[in-house]
C-alpha cells in the first residue's frame, strides 16, 4: 500500500547473558514451530509456549518482554534472524565476542532448532535445543 510503513524492531540488547539460554523447557517435543515465512514468528513463539508450557527458555523470555510498553514481542523466526544479522551494525547491541549464536523460533526437528552465529556469519540449522544461545526479541509494526 502506498505510504504504508512497516518493518521489524529488535530489543535493544539480548534478553540473556553471555551464557545464553536453552531453546526448550527441558523436554524434547515437536512444537510445530517450523515456519520461516514473513509473519510466522508470533505463531511459532506461541506454538512453542503452548507445547513447552511455563518456564525459563527462549520463546517464553521473548513473550514476557515488554520493552517500550509493547507486549507483542516474539522469538524471531529464521528469516527475521537473518535480517537482524544483515543489519546488526545499524541495530546495535549484538555481542560480538560470543562464539555461540542467537536462537530463532524455527524448529528443525523434535530435538533441534535454527540459530545464527553473528560472529562467524553462518546459519546453524540443527542446534540441539539444550544448547545455550543468546536471545533477541523482535516485533513487527
Protein backbone atom coordinates (compact mmCIF):
# COMPACT_ATOMS: atom_id res chain seq x y z
CA UNK A 1 0.00 0.00 0.00
CA UNK A 2 1.33 3.44 -0.89
CA UNK A 3 2.65 5.33 2.13
CA UNK A 4 2.46 2.32 4.42
CA UNK A 5 5.46 1.88 6.67
CA UNK A 6 6.19 -1.47 8.27
CA UNK A 7 9.16 -3.41 9.47
CA UNK A 8 10.87 -5.30 12.24
CA UNK A 9 12.05 -3.88 15.57
CA UNK A 10 14.56 -5.67 17.78
CA UNK A 11 15.02 -5.36 21.52
CA UNK A 12 17.91 -3.02 22.33
CA UNK A 13 20.02 -5.85 23.71
CA UNK A 14 19.99 -9.59 24.32
CA UNK A 15 17.44 -10.78 26.85
CA UNK A 16 20.02 -13.28 28.08
CA UNK A 17 23.50 -13.06 29.47
CA UNK A 18 26.60 -14.25 27.62
CA UNK A 19 25.91 -17.75 28.96
CA UNK A 20 22.70 -17.90 26.94
CA UNK A 21 19.52 -19.89 27.47
CA UNK A 22 18.06 -23.11 26.13
CA UNK A 23 15.51 -23.14 23.30
CA UNK A 24 13.21 -25.53 25.13
CA UNK A 25 11.89 -26.20 28.62
CA UNK A 26 13.92 -29.39 29.28
CA UNK A 27 11.66 -31.67 27.22
CA UNK A 28 12.03 -32.52 23.53
CA UNK A 29 8.61 -32.10 21.95
CA UNK A 30 7.52 -31.27 18.44
CA UNK A 31 6.13 -27.76 18.76
CA UNK A 32 5.07 -27.24 15.13
CA UNK A 33 7.16 -24.06 15.04
CA UNK A 34 8.83 -24.72 11.70
CA UNK A 35 7.55 -21.76 9.71
CA UNK A 36 10.07 -19.39 8.19
CA UNK A 37 7.65 -17.16 6.22
CA UNK A 38 7.03 -13.50 6.98
CA UNK A 39 4.73 -13.10 9.95
CA UNK A 40 5.32 -16.62 11.30
CA UNK A 41 7.40 -15.53 14.29
CA UNK A 42 4.47 -14.82 16.58
CA UNK A 43 2.74 -18.07 15.61
CA UNK A 44 6.00 -20.02 16.09
CA UNK A 45 6.59 -18.45 19.50
CA UNK A 46 3.03 -19.08 20.66
CA UNK A 47 3.22 -22.69 19.45
CA UNK A 48 6.48 -23.27 21.32
CA UNK A 49 4.95 -21.91 24.53
CA UNK A 50 1.77 -23.93 24.03
CA UNK A 51 3.77 -27.16 23.79
CA UNK A 52 6.56 -26.33 26.27
CA UNK A 53 4.47 -24.63 28.96
CA UNK A 54 5.75 -22.20 31.55
CA UNK A 55 9.44 -21.92 32.21
CA UNK A 56 12.61 -20.03 31.51
CA UNK A 57 13.54 -20.63 27.88
CA UNK A 58 14.00 -18.59 24.68
CA UNK A 59 10.39 -18.21 23.48
CA UNK A 60 8.99 -17.54 26.96
CA UNK A 61 11.56 -14.79 27.55
CA UNK A 62 10.53 -13.03 24.35
CA UNK A 63 6.77 -13.22 25.04
CA UNK A 64 7.31 -11.91 28.59
CA UNK A 65 9.40 -8.98 27.39
CA UNK A 66 7.58 -5.62 27.41
CA UNK A 67 10.16 -3.20 26.03
CA UNK A 68 8.68 0.18 25.11
CA UNK A 69 5.44 -0.86 26.78
CA UNK A 70 4.64 -3.33 23.98
CA UNK A 71 3.58 -6.90 24.72
CA UNK A 72 3.75 -8.37 21.20
CA UNK A 73 7.43 -9.35 21.22
CA UNK A 74 8.41 -12.78 19.92
CA UNK A 75 11.39 -15.03 19.24
CA UNK A 76 12.48 -14.20 15.68
CA UNK A 77 11.87 -16.79 13.00
CA UNK A 78 14.78 -17.95 10.82
CA UNK A 79 14.33 -15.20 8.20
CA UNK A 80 13.93 -12.48 10.87
CA UNK A 81 17.20 -13.60 12.42
CA UNK A 82 18.91 -13.28 9.04
CA UNK A 83 17.58 -9.71 8.70
CA UNK A 84 18.98 -8.91 12.15
CA UNK A 85 22.34 -10.32 11.11
CA UNK A 86 22.43 -8.25 7.91
CA UNK A 87 21.56 -5.08 9.84
CA UNK A 88 23.40 -5.72 13.10
CA UNK A 89 25.66 -2.66 12.74
CA UNK A 90 22.63 -0.36 12.40
CA UNK A 91 20.58 -2.13 15.11
CA UNK A 92 23.48 -2.41 17.56
CA UNK A 93 23.66 -4.23 20.86
CA UNK A 94 24.88 -7.56 19.47
CA UNK A 95 27.56 -9.35 21.43
CA UNK A 96 30.45 -9.65 19.01
CA UNK A 97 32.68 -11.88 21.10
CA UNK A 98 30.14 -14.62 21.83
CA UNK A 99 31.18 -17.78 19.97
CA UNK A 100 27.71 -19.31 20.02
CA UNK A 101 24.70 -17.85 18.33
CA UNK A 102 21.23 -16.40 18.61
CA UNK A 103 18.14 -18.61 18.74
CA UNK A 104 15.31 -18.39 16.23
CA UNK A 105 11.78 -19.72 16.71
CA UNK A 106 12.18 -22.03 13.71
CA UNK A 107 12.20 -25.65 14.83
CA UNK A 108 14.06 -28.10 12.57
CA UNK A 109 13.23 -31.38 14.37
CA UNK A 110 11.97 -32.71 17.70
CA UNK A 111 15.39 -32.04 19.24
CA UNK A 112 16.84 -29.20 17.10
CA UNK A 113 16.14 -25.60 16.08
CA UNK A 114 17.68 -22.95 13.82
CA UNK A 115 20.17 -20.40 15.15
CA UNK A 116 22.55 -17.89 13.63
CA UNK A 117 26.15 -17.20 14.58
CA UNK A 118 26.59 -13.45 14.21
CA UNK A 119 30.35 -13.53 14.84
CA UNK A 120 31.14 -16.09 12.13
CA UNK A 121 28.25 -15.03 9.89
CA UNK A 122 26.85 -18.51 9.44
CA UNK A 123 23.44 -20.12 9.72
CA UNK A 124 23.22 -23.12 12.04
CA UNK A 125 20.14 -25.19 11.10
CA UNK A 126 20.38 -28.11 13.53
CA UNK A 127 21.20 -26.88 17.02
CA UNK A 128 20.34 -29.17 19.88
CA UNK A 129 17.63 -27.42 21.90
CA UNK A 130 19.53 -27.75 25.18
CA UNK A 131 22.47 -25.69 23.86
CA UNK A 132 22.52 -22.23 25.34
CA UNK A 133 22.43 -19.31 22.93
CA UNK A 134 21.54 -15.64 23.19
CA UNK A 135 18.04 -14.29 22.53
CA UNK A 136 16.90 -11.01 20.95
CA UNK A 137 13.17 -10.33 20.96
CA UNK A 138 11.56 -8.77 17.88
CA UNK A 139 8.20 -7.29 16.98
CA UNK A 140 6.64 -6.05 13.78
CA UNK A 141 4.99 -2.72 13.08
